[in-house]
């Protein structure tokens, strides 16, 4: 936490941003599954 905010970053990487703690909540199951599948697919393409 920086300045009372939580720093978030997209699952696939990228620029982080600050979010007030009261604005965050667990990701829906569909979004969590999508991020996991994307990561697995990415790992399979690497040599």
N, C-alpha and C. Protein backbone atom coordinates (compact mmCIF):
# COMPACT_ATOMS: atom_id res chain seq x y z
N UNK A 1 0.84 -1.18 0.00
CA UNK A 1 0.00 0.00 0.00
C UNK A 1 0.88 1.24 0.00
N UNK A 2 0.50 2.15 -0.81
CA UNK A 2 1.25 3.40 -0.89
C UNK A 2 0.24 4.55 -0.77
N UNK A 3 0.48 5.46 0.15
CA UNK A 3 -0.43 6.59 0.37
C UNK A 3 -1.86 6.13 0.66
N UNK A 4 -2.01 5.01 1.36
CA UNK A 4 -3.32 4.50 1.70
C UNK A 4 -4.02 3.77 0.57
N UNK A 5 -3.36 3.61 -0.58
CA UNK A 5 -3.94 2.92 -1.72
C UNK A 5 -3.25 1.57 -1.94
N UNK A 6 -3.97 0.68 -2.57
CA UNK A 6 -3.43 -0.62 -2.95
C UNK A 6 -2.99 -0.52 -4.40
N UNK A 7 -1.84 -1.09 -4.73
CA UNK A 7 -1.37 -1.06 -6.11
C UNK A 7 -1.74 -2.37 -6.79
N UNK A 8 -2.48 -2.26 -7.89
CA UNK A 8 -2.92 -3.42 -8.65
C UNK A 8 -2.21 -3.45 -10.00
N UNK A 9 -2.12 -4.65 -10.56
CA UNK A 9 -1.53 -4.85 -11.87
C UNK A 9 -2.35 -5.93 -12.58
N UNK A 10 -2.58 -5.80 -13.88
CA UNK A 10 -3.33 -6.83 -14.60
C UNK A 10 -2.64 -8.19 -14.50
N UNK A 11 -3.39 -9.29 -14.53
CA UNK A 11 -2.79 -10.63 -14.42
C UNK A 11 -1.72 -10.90 -15.46
N UNK A 12 -1.87 -10.37 -16.66
CA UNK A 12 -0.88 -10.61 -17.71
C UNK A 12 0.30 -9.66 -17.66
N UNK A 13 0.35 -8.80 -16.65
CA UNK A 13 1.42 -7.81 -16.55
C UNK A 13 0.95 -6.47 -17.08
N UNK A 14 1.77 -5.49 -16.89
CA UNK A 14 1.43 -4.16 -17.36
C UNK A 14 1.66 -3.13 -16.27
N UNK A 15 1.18 -1.95 -16.52
CA UNK A 15 1.38 -0.84 -15.61
C UNK A 15 0.45 -0.98 -14.40
N UNK A 16 1.00 -0.75 -13.22
CA UNK A 16 0.17 -0.83 -12.01
C UNK A 16 -0.54 0.49 -11.79
N UNK A 17 -1.61 0.43 -11.03
CA UNK A 17 -2.35 1.64 -10.69
C UNK A 17 -2.77 1.58 -9.25
N UNK A 18 -3.04 2.74 -8.66
CA UNK A 18 -3.43 2.84 -7.26
C UNK A 18 -4.95 2.81 -7.14
N UNK A 19 -5.42 2.04 -6.14
CA UNK A 19 -6.85 1.90 -5.90
C UNK A 19 -7.11 2.04 -4.41
N UNK A 20 -8.09 2.83 -4.00
CA UNK A 20 -8.43 2.91 -2.58
C UNK A 20 -8.86 1.53 -2.08
N UNK A 21 -8.46 1.14 -0.86
CA UNK A 21 -8.78 -0.19 -0.34
C UNK A 21 -10.27 -0.54 -0.38
N UNK A 22 -11.15 0.42 -0.20
CA UNK A 22 -12.58 0.14 -0.20
C UNK A 22 -13.14 -0.20 -1.57
N UNK A 23 -12.37 0.02 -2.61
CA UNK A 23 -12.84 -0.24 -3.97
C UNK A 23 -12.51 -1.63 -4.48
N UNK A 24 -11.65 -2.36 -3.76
CA UNK A 24 -11.24 -3.67 -4.27
C UNK A 24 -12.12 -4.77 -3.71
N UNK A 25 -12.27 -5.83 -4.50
CA UNK A 25 -13.06 -6.99 -4.11
C UNK A 25 -12.49 -8.18 -4.86
N UNK A 26 -12.79 -9.39 -4.41
CA UNK A 26 -12.29 -10.56 -5.13
C UNK A 26 -12.82 -10.59 -6.57
N UNK A 27 -11.99 -11.07 -7.46
CA UNK A 27 -12.40 -11.19 -8.86
C UNK A 27 -13.46 -12.28 -8.99
N UNK A 28 -14.40 -12.09 -9.92
CA UNK A 28 -15.38 -13.16 -10.16
C UNK A 28 -14.67 -14.43 -10.64
N UNK A 29 -15.28 -15.57 -10.38
CA UNK A 29 -14.68 -16.86 -10.75
C UNK A 29 -14.36 -16.92 -12.25
N UNK A 30 -15.20 -16.33 -13.08
CA UNK A 30 -14.96 -16.38 -14.53
C UNK A 30 -13.69 -15.62 -14.90
N UNK A 31 -13.45 -14.49 -14.25
CA UNK A 31 -12.24 -13.72 -14.52
C UNK A 31 -10.99 -14.44 -14.02
N UNK A 32 -11.10 -15.08 -12.86
CA UNK A 32 -9.97 -15.84 -12.31
C UNK A 32 -9.63 -16.99 -13.24
N UNK A 33 -10.64 -17.72 -13.70
CA UNK A 33 -10.42 -18.84 -14.61
C UNK A 33 -9.81 -18.36 -15.91
N UNK A 34 -10.32 -17.26 -16.45
CA UNK A 34 -9.79 -16.71 -17.71
C UNK A 34 -8.30 -16.37 -17.56
N UNK A 35 -7.93 -15.75 -16.45
CA UNK A 35 -6.52 -15.39 -16.23
C UNK A 35 -5.64 -16.64 -16.11
N UNK A 36 -6.13 -17.67 -15.43
CA UNK A 36 -5.35 -18.91 -15.28
C UNK A 36 -5.16 -19.61 -16.62
N UNK A 37 -6.22 -19.68 -17.42
CA UNK A 37 -6.13 -20.32 -18.73
C UNK A 37 -5.17 -19.54 -19.63
N UNK A 38 -5.26 -18.23 -19.60
CA UNK A 38 -4.36 -17.40 -20.40
C UNK A 38 -2.91 -17.66 -20.01
N UNK A 39 -2.64 -17.74 -18.73
CA UNK A 39 -1.26 -18.00 -18.26
C UNK A 39 -0.79 -19.39 -18.68
N UNK A 40 -1.64 -20.40 -18.57
CA UNK A 40 -1.27 -21.75 -19.01
C UNK A 40 -1.00 -21.79 -20.50
N UNK A 41 -1.84 -21.14 -21.29
CA UNK A 41 -1.62 -21.10 -22.74
C UNK A 41 -0.32 -20.40 -23.07
N UNK A 42 -0.02 -19.33 -22.39
CA UNK A 42 1.22 -18.59 -22.61
C UNK A 42 2.42 -19.49 -22.28
N UNK A 43 2.36 -20.21 -21.19
CA UNK A 43 3.47 -21.07 -20.77
C UNK A 43 3.68 -22.20 -21.77
N UNK A 44 2.63 -22.72 -22.38
CA UNK A 44 2.76 -23.82 -23.35
C UNK A 44 3.43 -23.35 -24.64
N UNK A 45 3.31 -22.07 -24.97
CA UNK A 45 3.91 -21.56 -26.21
C UNK A 45 5.38 -21.28 -26.08
N UNK A 46 5.89 -21.20 -24.85
CA UNK A 46 7.31 -20.90 -24.66
C UNK A 46 8.14 -22.13 -24.97
N UNK A 47 9.33 -21.94 -25.57
CA UNK A 47 10.18 -23.11 -25.90
C UNK A 47 10.72 -23.78 -24.68
